[in-house]
Amino acid sequence: MKYRLLIALPFIISMIYHIATIVFPGFGEPSSLHRHLLFIFINFSMSALAISGRKFFLYLLAILLIQQLYSHGTAFYLKWFLEDRVDYYSLVVCLGLPIYFVLLIKSKLFK
């Protein structure tokens, strides 16, 4: 069970981030309220699936990984080249999520 809580931790942290962006306007990267609410739901669902230990979690994570790389990769690129700044949130997602995914697959915790 403790491993599953660790596996759910990135989604819990991300959910807290999206809640914080609603509660504290100006915190984090700007985005619509609907998008933050959607990702609160997604992160809650992913953390619940991670804790449950179901293999289905890995399949949904693969889909989320593709979406996040596209979304955050595009945001990182645009901010880097058009605004001359680093989007650290997107950088963490684009580097961290693929590593997280590979480590989960190699761990064989979801059989």
PDB file of N, CA and C in Angstrom:
ATOM      1  N   MET A   1       0.824  -1.206   0.000  1.00  0.00           N
ATOM      2  CA  MET A   1       0.000   0.000   0.000  1.00  0.00           C
ATOM      3  C   MET A   1       0.865   1.266   0.000  1.00  0.00           C
ATOM      4  N   LYS A   2       1.986   1.251   0.733  1.00  0.00           N
ATOM      5  CA  LYS A   2       2.812   2.465   0.778  1.00  0.00           C
ATOM      6  C   LYS A   2       3.384   2.802  -0.590  1.00  0.00           C
ATOM      7  N   TYR A   3       3.678   1.782  -1.404  1.00  0.00           N
ATOM      8  CA  TYR A   3       4.181   2.047  -2.745  1.00  0.00           C
ATOM      9  C   TYR A   3       3.103   2.694  -3.595  1.00  0.00           C
ATOM     10  N   ARG A   4       1.888   2.264  -3.409  1.00  0.00           N
ATOM     11  CA  ARG A   4       0.799   2.834  -4.201  1.00  0.00           C
ATOM     12  C   ARG A   4       0.562   4.299  -3.848  1.00  0.00           C
ATOM     13  N   LEU A   5       0.721   4.642  -2.593  1.00  0.00           N
ATOM     14  CA  LEU A   5       0.597   6.051  -2.205  1.00  0.00           C
ATOM     15  C   LEU A   5       1.716   6.878  -2.830  1.00  0.00           C
ATOM     16  N   LEU A   6       2.913   6.315  -2.894  1.00  0.00           N
ATOM     17  CA  LEU A   6       4.021   7.013  -3.558  1.00  0.00           C
ATOM     18  C   LEU A   6       3.756   7.179  -5.042  1.00  0.00           C
ATOM     19  N   ILE A   7       3.173   6.159  -5.639  1.00  0.00           N
ATOM     20  CA  ILE A   7       2.847   6.223  -7.067  1.00  0.00           C
ATOM     21  C   ILE A   7       1.770   7.278  -7.324  1.00  0.00           C
ATOM     22  N   ALA A   8       0.848   7.435  -6.386  1.00  0.00           N
ATOM     23  CA  ALA A   8      -0.223   8.427  -6.530  1.00  0.00           C
ATOM     24  C   ALA A   8       0.257   9.849  -6.241  1.00  0.00           C
ATOM     25  N   LEU A   9       1.387   9.993  -5.571  1.00  0.00           N
ATOM     26  CA  LEU A   9       1.860  11.302  -5.115  1.00  0.00           C
ATOM     27  C   LEU A   9       1.980  12.372  -6.215  1.00  0.00           C
ATOM     28  N   PRO A  10       2.540  12.065  -7.394  1.00  0.00           N
ATOM     29  CA  PRO A  10       2.603  13.119  -8.427  1.00  0.00           C
ATOM     30  C   PRO A  10       1.225  13.658  -8.821  1.00  0.00           C
ATOM     31  N   PHE A  11       0.222  12.798  -8.809  1.00  0.00           N
ATOM     32  CA  PHE A  11      -1.125  13.232  -9.175  1.00  0.00           C
ATOM     33  C   PHE A  11      -1.756  14.049  -8.048  1.00  0.00           C
ATOM     34  N   ILE A  12      -1.459  13.692  -6.820  1.00  0.00           N
ATOM     35  CA  ILE A  12      -1.954  14.453  -5.673  1.00  0.00           C
ATOM     36  C   ILE A  12      -1.325  15.848  -5.679  1.00  0.00           C
ATOM     37  N   ILE A  13      -0.016  15.909  -5.927  1.00  0.00           N
ATOM     38  CA  ILE A  13       0.673  17.205  -5.993  1.00  0.00           C
ATOM     39  C   ILE A  13       0.106  18.055  -7.128  1.00  0.00           C
ATOM     40  N   SER A  14      -0.121  17.437  -8.284  1.00  0.00           N
ATOM     41  CA  SER A  14      -0.682  18.171  -9.418  1.00  0.00           C
ATOM     42  C   SER A  14      -2.094  18.653  -9.123  1.00  0.00           C
ATOM     43  N   MET A  15      -2.865  17.845  -8.427  1.00  0.00           N
ATOM     44  CA  MET A  15      -4.222  18.244  -8.057  1.00  0.00           C
ATOM     45  C   MET A  15      -4.166  19.456  -7.118  1.00  0.00           C
ATOM     46  N   ILE A  16      -3.243  19.436  -6.161  1.00  0.00           N
ATOM     47  CA  ILE A  16      -3.080  20.561  -5.243  1.00  0.00           C
ATOM     48  C   ILE A  16      -2.673  21.823  -6.014  1.00  0.00           C
ATOM     49  N   TYR A  17      -1.783  21.654  -6.989  1.00  0.00           N
ATOM     50  CA  TYR A  17      -1.366  22.785  -7.829  1.00  0.00           C
ATOM     51  C   TYR A  17      -2.579  23.411  -8.528  1.00  0.00           C
ATOM     52  N   HIS A  18      -3.424  22.578  -9.142  1.00  0.00           N
ATOM     53  CA  HIS A  18      -4.572  23.107  -9.876  1.00  0.00           C
ATOM     54  C   HIS A  18      -5.590  23.753  -8.930  1.00  0.00           C
ATOM     55  N   ILE A  19      -5.738  23.209  -7.729  1.00  0.00           N
ATOM     56  CA  ILE A  19      -6.615  23.834  -6.734  1.00  0.00           C
ATOM     57  C   ILE A  19      -6.038  25.192  -6.322  1.00  0.00           C
ATOM     58  N   ALA A  20      -4.720  25.233  -6.116  1.00  0.00           N
ATOM     59  CA  ALA A  20      -4.063  26.479  -5.710  1.00  0.00           C
ATOM     60  C   ALA A  20      -4.211  27.571  -6.764  1.00  0.00           C
ATOM     61  N   THR A  21      -4.183  27.184  -8.046  1.00  0.00           N
ATOM     62  CA  THR A  21      -4.332  28.190  -9.102  1.00  0.00           C
ATOM     63  C   THR A  21      -5.738  28.790  -9.123  1.00  0.00           C
ATOM     64  N   ILE A  22      -6.712  28.046  -8.622  1.00  0.00           N
ATOM     65  CA  ILE A  22      -8.078  28.568  -8.531  1.00  0.00           C
ATOM     66  C   ILE A  22      -8.215  29.450  -7.289  1.00  0.00           C
ATOM     67  N   VAL A  23      -7.687  28.970  -6.169  1.00  0.00           N
ATOM     68  CA  VAL A  23      -7.817  29.681  -4.897  1.00  0.00           C
ATOM     69  C   VAL A  23      -6.979  30.960  -4.871  1.00  0.00           C
ATOM     70  N   PHE A  24      -5.787  30.899  -5.478  1.00  0.00           N
ATOM     71  CA  PHE A  24      -4.872  32.044  -5.493  1.00  0.00           C
ATOM     72  C   PHE A  24      -4.648  32.511  -6.935  1.00  0.00           C
ATOM     73  N   PRO A  25      -5.515  33.379  -7.436  1.00  0.00           N
ATOM     74  CA  PRO A  25      -5.351  33.871  -8.808  1.00  0.00           C
ATOM     75  C   PRO A  25      -3.958  34.490  -9.001  1.00  0.00           C
ATOM     76  N   GLY A  26      -3.355  34.198 -10.138  1.00  0.00           N
ATOM     77  CA  GLY A  26      -2.007  34.683 -10.420  1.00  0.00           C
ATOM     78  C   GLY A  26      -0.927  33.675 -10.060  1.00  0.00           C
ATOM     79  N   PHE A  27      -1.300  32.633  -9.327  1.00  0.00           N
ATOM     80  CA  PHE A  27      -0.347  31.579  -8.994  1.00  0.00           C
ATOM     81  C   PHE A  27      -0.243  30.634 -10.191  1.00  0.00           C
ATOM     82  N   GLY A  28       0.957  30.275 -10.568  1.00  0.00           N
ATOM     83  CA  GLY A  28       1.154  29.334 -11.666  1.00  0.00           C
ATOM     84  C   GLY A  28       0.920  29.957 -13.023  1.00  0.00           C
ATOM     85  N   GLU A  29       0.915  29.100 -14.018  1.00  0.00           N
ATOM     86  CA  GLU A  29       0.695  29.543 -15.393  1.00  0.00           C
ATOM     87  C   GLU A  29      -0.790  29.806 -15.618  1.00  0.00           C
ATOM     88  N   PRO A  30      -1.111  30.870 -16.376  1.00  0.00           N
ATOM     89  CA  PRO A  30      -2.524  31.191 -16.602  1.00  0.00           C
ATOM     90  C   PRO A  30      -3.231  30.117 -17.433  1.00  0.00           C
ATOM     91  N   SER A  31      -4.449  29.830 -17.025  1.00  0.00           N
ATOM     92  CA  SER A  31      -5.284  28.872 -17.743  1.00  0.00           C
ATOM     93  C   SER A  31      -6.729  29.097 -17.310  1.00  0.00           C
ATOM     94  N   SER A  32      -7.665  28.533 -18.060  1.00  0.00           N
ATOM     95  CA  SER A  32      -9.079  28.744 -17.746  1.00  0.00           C
ATOM     96  C   SER A  32      -9.504  27.935 -16.521  1.00  0.00           C
ATOM     97  N   LEU A  33     -10.552  28.400 -15.877  1.00  0.00           N
ATOM     98  CA  LEU A  33     -11.109  27.700 -14.723  1.00  0.00           C
ATOM     99  C   LEU A  33     -11.539  26.284 -15.111  1.00  0.00           C
ATOM    100  N   HIS A  34     -12.151  26.155 -16.286  1.00  0.00           N
ATOM    101  CA  HIS A  34     -12.625  24.840 -16.731  1.00  0.00           C
ATOM    102  C   HIS A  34     -11.475  23.849 -16.869  1.00  0.00           C
ATOM    103  N   ARG A  35     -10.356  24.328 -17.383  1.00  0.00           N
ATOM    104  CA  ARG A  35      -9.192  23.450 -17.553  1.00  0.00           C
ATOM    105  C   ARG A  35      -8.657  23.002 -16.201  1.00  0.00           C
ATOM    106  N   HIS A  36      -8.584  23.939 -15.254  1.00  0.00           N
ATOM    107  CA  HIS A  36      -8.114  23.560 -13.912  1.00  0.00           C
ATOM    108  C   HIS A  36      -9.070  22.562 -13.262  1.00  0.00           C
ATOM    109  N   LEU A  37     -10.368  22.785 -13.399  1.00  0.00           N
ATOM    110  CA  LEU A  37     -11.346  21.847 -12.836  1.00  0.00           C
ATOM    111  C   LEU A  37     -11.228  20.471 -13.485  1.00  0.00           C
ATOM    112  N   LEU A  38     -11.043  20.446 -14.790  1.00  0.00           N
ATOM    113  CA  LEU A  38     -10.871  19.179 -15.500  1.00  0.00           C
ATOM    114  C   LEU A  38      -9.656  18.423 -14.970  1.00  0.00           C
ATOM    115  N   PHE A  39      -8.539  19.120 -14.779  1.00  0.00           N
ATOM    116  CA  PHE A  39      -7.340  18.433 -14.325  1.00  0.00           C
ATOM    117  C   PHE A  39      -7.376  18.103 -12.834  1.00  0.00           C
ATOM    118  N   ILE A  40      -8.194  18.791 -12.059  1.00  0.00           N
ATOM    119  CA  ILE A  40      -8.426  18.344 -10.680  1.00  0.00           C
ATOM    120  C   ILE A  40      -9.112  16.993 -10.714  1.00  0.00           C
ATOM    121  N   PHE A  41     -10.125  16.859 -11.565  1.00  0.00           N
ATOM    122  CA  PHE A  41     -10.831  15.577 -11.708  1.00  0.00           C
ATOM    123  C   PHE A  41      -9.907  14.482 -12.238  1.00  0.00           C
ATOM    124  N   ILE A  42      -9.130  14.796 -13.275  1.00  0.00           N
ATOM    125  CA  ILE A  42      -8.213  13.806 -13.855  1.00  0.00           C
ATOM    126  C   ILE A  42      -7.182  13.356 -12.832  1.00  0.00           C
ATOM    127  N   ASN A  43      -6.589  14.307 -12.122  1.00  0.00           N
ATOM    128  CA  ASN A  43      -5.568  13.949 -11.136  1.00  0.00           C
ATOM    129  C   ASN A  43      -6.148  13.161  -9.969  1.00  0.00           C
ATOM    130  N   PHE A  44      -7.358  13.516  -9.536  1.00  0.00           N
ATOM    131  CA  PHE A  44      -8.016  12.740  -8.487  1.00  0.00           C
ATOM    132  C   PHE A  44      -8.260  11.312  -8.967  1.00  0.00           C
ATOM    133  N   SER A  45      -8.767  11.175 -10.179  1.00  0.00           N
ATOM    134  CA  SER A  45      -9.051   9.846 -10.732  1.00  0.00           C
ATOM    135  C   SER A  45      -7.776   9.013 -10.892  1.00  0.00           C
ATOM    136  N   MET A  46      -6.716   9.646 -11.392  1.00  0.00           N
ATOM    137  CA  MET A  46      -5.451   8.925 -11.587  1.00  0.00           C
ATOM    138  C   MET A  46      -4.843   8.519 -10.247  1.00  0.00           C
ATOM    139  N   SER A  47      -4.946   9.368  -9.246  1.00  0.00           N
ATOM    140  CA  SER A  47      -4.407   8.994  -7.938  1.00  0.00           C
ATOM    141  C   SER A  47      -5.220   7.844  -7.343  1.00  0.00           C
ATOM    142  N   ALA A  48      -6.522   7.858  -7.515  1.00  0.00           N
ATOM    143  CA  ALA A  48      -7.362   6.761  -7.019  1.00  0.00           C
ATOM    144  C   ALA A  48      -7.025   5.453  -7.748  1.00  0.00           C
ATOM    145  N   LEU A  49      -6.827   5.524  -9.051  1.00  0.00           N
ATOM    146  CA  LEU A  49      -6.450   4.329  -9.816  1.00  0.00           C
ATOM    147  C   LEU A  49      -5.062   3.824  -9.422  1.00  0.00           C
ATOM    148  N   ALA A  50      -4.145   4.726  -9.157  1.00  0.00           N
ATOM    149  CA  ALA A  50      -2.795   4.327  -8.731  1.00  0.00           C
ATOM    150  C   ALA A  50      -2.869   3.592  -7.402  1.00  0.00           C
ATOM    151  N   ILE A  51      -3.666   4.097  -6.492  1.00  0.00           N
ATOM    152  CA  ILE A  51      -3.806   3.466  -5.180  1.00  0.00           C
ATOM    153  C   ILE A  51      -4.491   2.114  -5.308  1.00  0.00           C
ATOM    154  N   SER A  52      -5.423   1.994  -6.244  1.00  0.00           N
ATOM    155  CA  SER A  52      -6.136   0.715  -6.420  1.00  0.00           C
ATOM    156  C   SER A  52      -5.235  -0.383  -6.968  1.00  0.00           C
ATOM    157  N   GLY A  53      -4.176   0.010  -7.671  1.00  0.00           N
ATOM    158  CA  GLY A  53      -3.236  -0.975  -8.211  1.00  0.00           C
ATOM    159  C   GLY A  53      -3.715  -1.685  -9.462  1.00  0.00           C
ATOM    160  N   ARG A  54      -4.719  -1.161 -10.134  1.00  0.00           N
ATOM    161  CA  ARG A  54      -5.251  -1.809 -11.330  1.00  0.00           C
ATOM    162  C   ARG A  54      -4.350  -1.535 -12.534  1.00  0.00           C
ATOM    163  N   LYS A  55      -4.181  -2.538 -13.360  1.00  0.00           N
ATOM    164  CA  LYS A  55      -3.337  -2.410 -14.551  1.00  0.00           C
ATOM    165  C   LYS A  55      -3.885  -1.358 -15.522  1.00  0.00           C
ATOM    166  N   PHE A  56      -5.183  -1.153 -15.497  1.00  0.00           N
ATOM    167  CA  PHE A  56      -5.829  -0.165 -16.343  1.00  0.00           C
ATOM    168  C   PHE A  56      -5.195   1.211 -16.149  1.00  0.00           C
ATOM    169  N   PHE A  57      -4.651   1.462 -14.960  1.00  0.00           N
ATOM    170  CA  PHE A  57      -3.970   2.723 -14.653  1.00  0.00           C
ATOM    171  C   PHE A  57      -2.862   3.009 -15.660  1.00  0.00           C
ATOM    172  N   LEU A  58      -2.072   1.998 -16.006  1.00  0.00           N
ATOM    173  CA  LEU A  58      -0.954   2.193 -16.941  1.00  0.00           C
ATOM    174  C   LEU A  58      -1.433   2.593 -18.334  1.00  0.00           C
ATOM    175  N   TYR A  59      -2.546   2.040 -18.762  1.00  0.00           N
ATOM    176  CA  TYR A  59      -3.081   2.387 -20.078  1.00  0.00           C
ATOM    177  C   TYR A  59      -3.571   3.844 -20.096  1.00  0.00           C
ATOM    178  N   LEU A  60      -4.272   4.231 -19.038  1.00  0.00           N
ATOM    179  CA  LEU A  60      -4.724   5.624 -18.955  1.00  0.00           C
ATOM    180  C   LEU A  60      -3.546   6.574 -18.808  1.00  0.00           C
ATOM    181  N   LEU A  61      -2.528   6.136 -18.081  1.00  0.00           N
ATOM    182  CA  LEU A  61      -1.329   6.958 -17.926  1.00  0.00           C
ATOM    183  C   LEU A  61      -0.634   7.171 -19.272  1.00  0.00           C
ATOM    184  N   ALA A  62      -0.618   6.159 -20.117  1.00  0.00           N
ATOM    185  CA  ALA A  62      -0.012   6.297 -21.443  1.00  0.00           C
ATOM    186  C   ALA A  62      -0.754   7.352 -22.266  1.00  0.00           C
ATOM    187  N   ILE A  63      -2.079   7.355 -22.189  1.00  0.00           N
ATOM    188  CA  ILE A  63      -2.878   8.345 -22.911  1.00  0.00           C
ATOM    189  C   ILE A  63      -2.622   9.743 -22.338  1.00  0.00           C
ATOM    190  N   LEU A  64      -2.604   9.834 -21.009  1.00  0.00           N
ATOM    191  CA  LEU A  64      -2.344  11.114 -20.364  1.00  0.00           C
ATOM    192  C   LEU A  64      -0.943  11.617 -20.690  1.00  0.00           C
ATOM    193  N   LEU A  65       0.014  10.720 -20.760  1.00  0.00           N
ATOM    194  CA  LEU A  65       1.393  11.082 -21.097  1.00  0.00           C
ATOM    195  C   LEU A  65       1.457  11.748 -22.473  1.00  0.00           C
ATOM    196  N   ILE A  66       0.794  11.171 -23.445  1.00  0.00           N
ATOM    197  CA  ILE A  66       0.774  11.741 -24.802  1.00  0.00           C
ATOM    198  C   ILE A  66       0.142  13.134 -24.774  1.00  0.00           C
ATOM    199  N   GLN A  67      -0.987  13.259 -24.093  1.00  0.00           N
ATOM    200  CA  GLN A  67      -1.681  14.552 -24.027  1.00  0.00           C
ATOM    201  C   GLN A  67      -0.808  15.592 -23.329  1.00  0.00           C
ATOM    202  N   GLN A  68      -0.176  15.210 -22.237  1.00  0.00           N
ATOM    203  CA  GLN A  68       0.636  16.151 -21.465  1.00  0.00           C
ATOM    204  C   GLN A  68       1.894  16.573 -22.231  1.00  0.00           C
ATOM    205  N   LEU A  69       2.521  15.637 -22.915  1.00  0.00           N
ATOM    206  CA  LEU A  69       3.697  15.990 -23.707  1.00  0.00           C
ATOM    207  C   LEU A  69       3.325  16.962 -24.824  1.00  0.00           C
ATOM    208  N   TYR A  70       2.189  16.733 -25.441  1.00  0.00           N
ATOM    209  CA  TYR A  70       1.737  17.646 -26.491  1.00  0.00           C
ATOM    210  C   TYR A  70       1.422  19.023 -25.906  1.00  0.00           C
ATOM    211  N   SER A  71       0.608  19.054 -24.863  1.00  0.00           N
ATOM    212  CA  SER A  71       0.156  20.309 -24.272  1.00  0.00           C
ATOM    213  C   SER A  71       1.302  21.083 -23.622  1.00  0.00           C
ATOM    214  N   HIS A  72       2.024  20.437 -22.726  1.00  0.00           N
ATOM    215  CA  HIS A  72       3.112  21.121 -22.025  1.00  0.00           C
ATOM    216  C   HIS A  72       4.324  21.331 -22.928  1.00  0.00           C
ATOM    217  N   GLY A  73       4.539  20.433 -23.859  1.00  0.00           N
ATOM    218  CA  GLY A  73       5.632  20.619 -24.811  1.00  0.00           C
ATOM    219  C   GLY A  73       5.403  21.840 -25.678  1.00  0.00           C
ATOM    220  N   THR A  74       4.181  22.010 -26.146  1.00  0.00           N
ATOM    221  CA  THR A  74       3.824  23.181 -26.936  1.00  0.00           C
ATOM    222  C   THR A  74       3.954  24.455 -26.103  1.00  0.00           C
ATOM    223  N   ALA A  75       3.451  24.408 -24.867  1.00  0.00           N
ATOM    224  CA  ALA A  75       3.534  25.581 -23.985  1.00  0.00           C
ATOM    225  C   ALA A  75       4.989  25.945 -23.711  1.00  0.00           C
ATOM    226  N   PHE A  76       5.814  24.937 -23.453  1.00  0.00           N
ATOM    227  CA  PHE A  76       7.229  25.197 -23.190  1.00  0.00           C
ATOM    228  C   PHE A  76       7.894  25.845 -24.403  1.00  0.00           C
ATOM    229  N   TYR A  77       7.647  25.284 -25.562  1.00  0.00           N
ATOM    230  CA  TYR A  77       8.227  25.800 -26.810  1.00  0.00           C
ATOM    231  C   TYR A  77       7.815  27.256 -27.056  1.00  0.00           C
ATOM    232  N   LEU A  78       6.527  27.539 -26.943  1.00  0.00           N
ATOM    233  CA  LEU A  78       6.028  28.886 -27.213  1.00  0.00           C
ATOM    234  C   LEU A  78       6.587  29.905 -26.229  1.00  0.00           C
ATOM    235  N   LYS A  79       6.630  29.538 -24.964  1.00  0.00           N
ATOM    236  CA  LYS A  79       7.146  30.482 -23.967  1.00  0.00           C
ATOM    237  C   LYS A  79       8.645  30.687 -24.121  1.00  0.00           C
ATOM    238  N   TRP A  80       9.344  29.646 -24.503  1.00  0.00           N
ATOM    239  CA  TRP A  80      10.799  29.750 -24.675  1.00  0.00           C
ATOM    240  C   TRP A  80      11.139  30.654 -25.862  1.00  0.00           C
ATOM    241  N   PHE A  81      10.477  30.395 -26.994  1.00  0.00           N
ATOM    242  CA  PHE A  81      10.835  31.114 -28.221  1.00  0.00           C
ATOM    243  C   PHE A  81      10.079  32.417 -28.437  1.00  0.00           C
ATOM    244  N   LEU A  82       8.862  32.529 -27.940  1.00  0.00           N
ATOM    245  CA  LEU A  82       8.087  33.750 -28.165  1.00  0.00           C
ATOM    246  C   LEU A  82       8.170  34.735 -26.999  1.00  0.00           C
ATOM    247  N   GLU A  83       8.309  34.209 -25.784  1.00  0.00           N
ATOM    248  CA  GLU A  83       8.328  35.085 -24.613  1.00  0.00           C
ATOM    249  C   GLU A  83       9.701  35.159 -23.951  1.00  0.00           C
ATOM    250  N   ASP A  84      10.650  34.421 -24.466  1.00  0.00           N
ATOM    251  CA  ASP A  84      12.008  34.408 -23.921  1.00  0.00           C
ATOM    252  C   ASP A  84      12.057  34.072 -22.432  1.00  0.00           C
ATOM    253  N   ARG A  85      11.270  33.078 -22.036  1.00  0.00           N
ATOM    254  CA  ARG A  85      11.285  32.649 -20.639  1.00  0.00           C
ATOM    255  C   ARG A  85      11.091  31.139 -20.550  1.00  0.00           C
ATOM    256  N   VAL A  86      11.394  30.594 -19.397  1.00  0.00           N
ATOM    257  CA  VAL A  86      11.262  29.155 -19.182  1.00  0.00           C
ATOM    258  C   VAL A  86       9.972  28.882 -18.431  1.00  0.00           C
ATOM    259  N   ASP A  87       9.172  27.983 -18.952  1.00  0.00           N
ATOM    260  CA  ASP A  87       7.956  27.511 -18.285  1.00  0.00           C
ATOM    261  C   ASP A  87       8.361  26.291 -17.454  1.00  0.00           C
ATOM    262  N   TYR A  88       8.677  26.522 -16.198  1.00  0.00           N
ATOM    263  CA  TYR A  88       9.198  25.452 -15.344  1.00  0.00           C
ATOM    264  C   TYR A  88       8.168  24.356 -15.075  1.00  0.00           C
ATOM    265  N   TYR A  89       6.894  24.717 -15.014  1.00  0.00           N
ATOM    266  CA  TYR A  89       5.854  23.704 -14.818  1.00  0.00           C
ATOM    267  C   TYR A  89       5.861  22.713 -15.982  1.00  0.00           C
ATOM    268  N   SER A  90       5.911  23.251 -17.192  1.00  0.00           N
ATOM    269  CA  SER A  90       5.928  22.387 -18.376  1.00  0.00           C
ATOM    270  C   SER A  90       7.214  21.583 -18.459  1.00  0.00           C
ATOM    271  N   LEU A  91       8.322  22.179 -18.074  1.00  0.00           N
ATOM    272  CA  LEU A  91       9.600  21.469 -18.079  1.00  0.00           C
ATOM    273  C   LEU A  91       9.560  20.268 -17.151  1.00  0.00           C
ATOM    274  N   VAL A  92       9.014  20.452 -15.962  1.00  0.00           N
ATOM    275  CA  VAL A  92       8.908  19.346 -14.999  1.00  0.00           C
ATOM    276  C   VAL A  92       8.016  18.236 -15.555  1.00  0.00           C
ATOM    277  N   VAL A  93       6.891  18.616 -16.147  1.00  0.00           N
ATOM    278  CA  VAL A  93       5.968  17.616 -16.703  1.00  0.00           C
ATOM    279  C   VAL A  93       6.620  16.873 -17.867  1.00  0.00           C
ATOM    280  N   CYS A  94       7.250  17.613 -18.787  1.00  0.00           N
ATOM    281  CA  CYS A  94       7.832  16.994 -19.991  1.00  0.00           C
ATOM    282  C   CYS A  94       9.026  16.089 -19.668  1.00  0.00           C
ATOM    283  N   LEU A  95       9.752  16.383 -18.629  1.00  0.00           N
ATOM    284  CA  LEU A  95      10.877  15.529 -18.235  1.00  0.00           C
ATOM    285  C   LEU A  95      10.456  14.459 -17.239  1.00  0.00           C
ATOM    286  N   GLY A  96       9.607  14.838 -16.295  1.00  0.00           N
ATOM    287  CA  GLY A  96       9.261  13.926 -15.209  1.00  0.00           C
ATOM    288  C   GLY A  96       8.270  12.836 -15.569  1.00  0.00           C
ATOM    289  N   LEU A  97       7.245  13.172 -16.330  1.00  0.00           N
ATOM    290  CA  LEU A  97       6.195  12.193 -16.620  1.00  0.00           C
ATOM    291  C   LEU A  97       6.694  10.992 -17.435  1.00  0.00           C
ATOM    292  N   PRO A  98       7.508  11.177 -18.467  1.00  0.00           N
ATOM    293  CA  PRO A  98       8.024  10.000 -19.177  1.00  0.00           C
ATOM    294  C   PRO A  98       8.915   9.115 -18.287  1.00  0.00           C
ATOM    295  N   ILE A  99       9.731   9.738 -17.449  1.00  0.00           N
ATOM    296  CA  ILE A  99      10.579   8.960 -16.525  1.00  0.00           C
ATOM    297  C   ILE A  99       9.705   8.177 -15.555  1.00  0.00           C
ATOM    298  N   TYR A 100       8.698   8.832 -15.010  1.00  0.00           N
ATOM    299  CA  TYR A 100       7.736   8.203 -14.101  1.00  0.00           C
ATOM    300  C   TYR A 100       7.066   7.002 -14.773  1.00  0.00           C
ATOM    301  N   PHE A 101       6.634   7.179 -16.013  1.00  0.00           N
ATOM    302  CA  PHE A 101       5.966   6.114 -16.756  1.00  0.00           C
ATOM    303  C   PHE A 101       6.894   4.918 -16.972  1.00  0.00           C
ATOM    304  N   VAL A 102       8.108   5.164 -17.411  1.00  0.00           N
ATOM    305  CA  VAL A 102       9.066   4.077 -17.646  1.00  0.00           C
ATOM    306  C   VAL A 102       9.386   3.349 -16.341  1.00  0.00           C
ATOM    307  N   LEU A 103       9.580   4.080 -15.257  1.00  0.00           N
ATOM    308  CA  LEU A 103       9.870   3.448 -13.970  1.00  0.00           C
ATOM    309  C   LEU A 103       8.719   2.569 -13.502  1.00  0.00           C
ATOM    310  N   LEU A 104       7.496   3.027 -13.739  1.00  0.00           N
ATOM    311  CA  LEU A 104       6.338   2.206 -13.357  1.00  0.00           C
ATOM    312  C   LEU A 104       6.262   0.920 -14.171  1.00  0.00           C
ATOM    313  N   ILE A 105       6.542   1.008 -15.452  1.00  0.00           N
ATOM    314  CA  ILE A 105       6.514  -0.184 -16.295  1.00  0.00           C
ATOM    315  C   ILE A 105       7.603  -1.159 -15.866  1.00  0.00           C
ATOM    316  N   LYS A 106       8.799  -0.653 -15.608  1.00  0.00           N
ATOM    317  CA  LYS A 106       9.919  -1.509 -15.194  1.00  0.00           C
ATOM    318  C   LYS A 106       9.702  -2.106 -13.811  1.00  0.00           C
ATOM    319  N   SER A 107       8.945  -1.424 -12.951  1.00  0.00           N
ATOM    320  CA  SER A 107       8.728  -1.909 -11.599  1.00  0.00           C
ATOM    321  C   SER A 107       7.843  -3.158 -11.556  1.00  0.00           C
ATOM    322  N   LYS A 108       7.006  -3.326 -12.558  1.00  0.00           N
ATOM    323  CA  LYS A 108       6.066  -4.460 -12.646  1.00  0.00           C
ATOM    324  C   LYS A 108       5.126  -4.517 -11.455  1.00  0.00           C
ATOM    325  N   LEU A 109       4.805  -3.372 -10.868  1.00  0.00           N
ATOM    326  CA  LEU A 109       3.858  -3.326  -9.754  1.00  0.00           C
ATOM    327  C   LEU A 109       2.428  -3.494 -10.238  1.00  0.00           C
ATOM    328  N   PHE A 110       2.187  -3.193 -11.506  1.00  0.00           N
ATOM    329  CA  PHE A 110       0.839  -3.291 -12.064  1.00  0.00           C
ATOM    330  C   PHE A 110       0.814  -4.486 -13.020  1.00  0.00           C
ATOM    331  N   LYS A 111       0.400  -5.604 -12.515  1.00  0.00           N
ATOM    332  CA  LYS A 111       0.377  -6.842 -13.336  1.00  0.00           C
ATOM    333  C   LYS A 111      -1.031  -7.215 -13.717  1.00  0.00           C
TER     334      LYS A 111
END
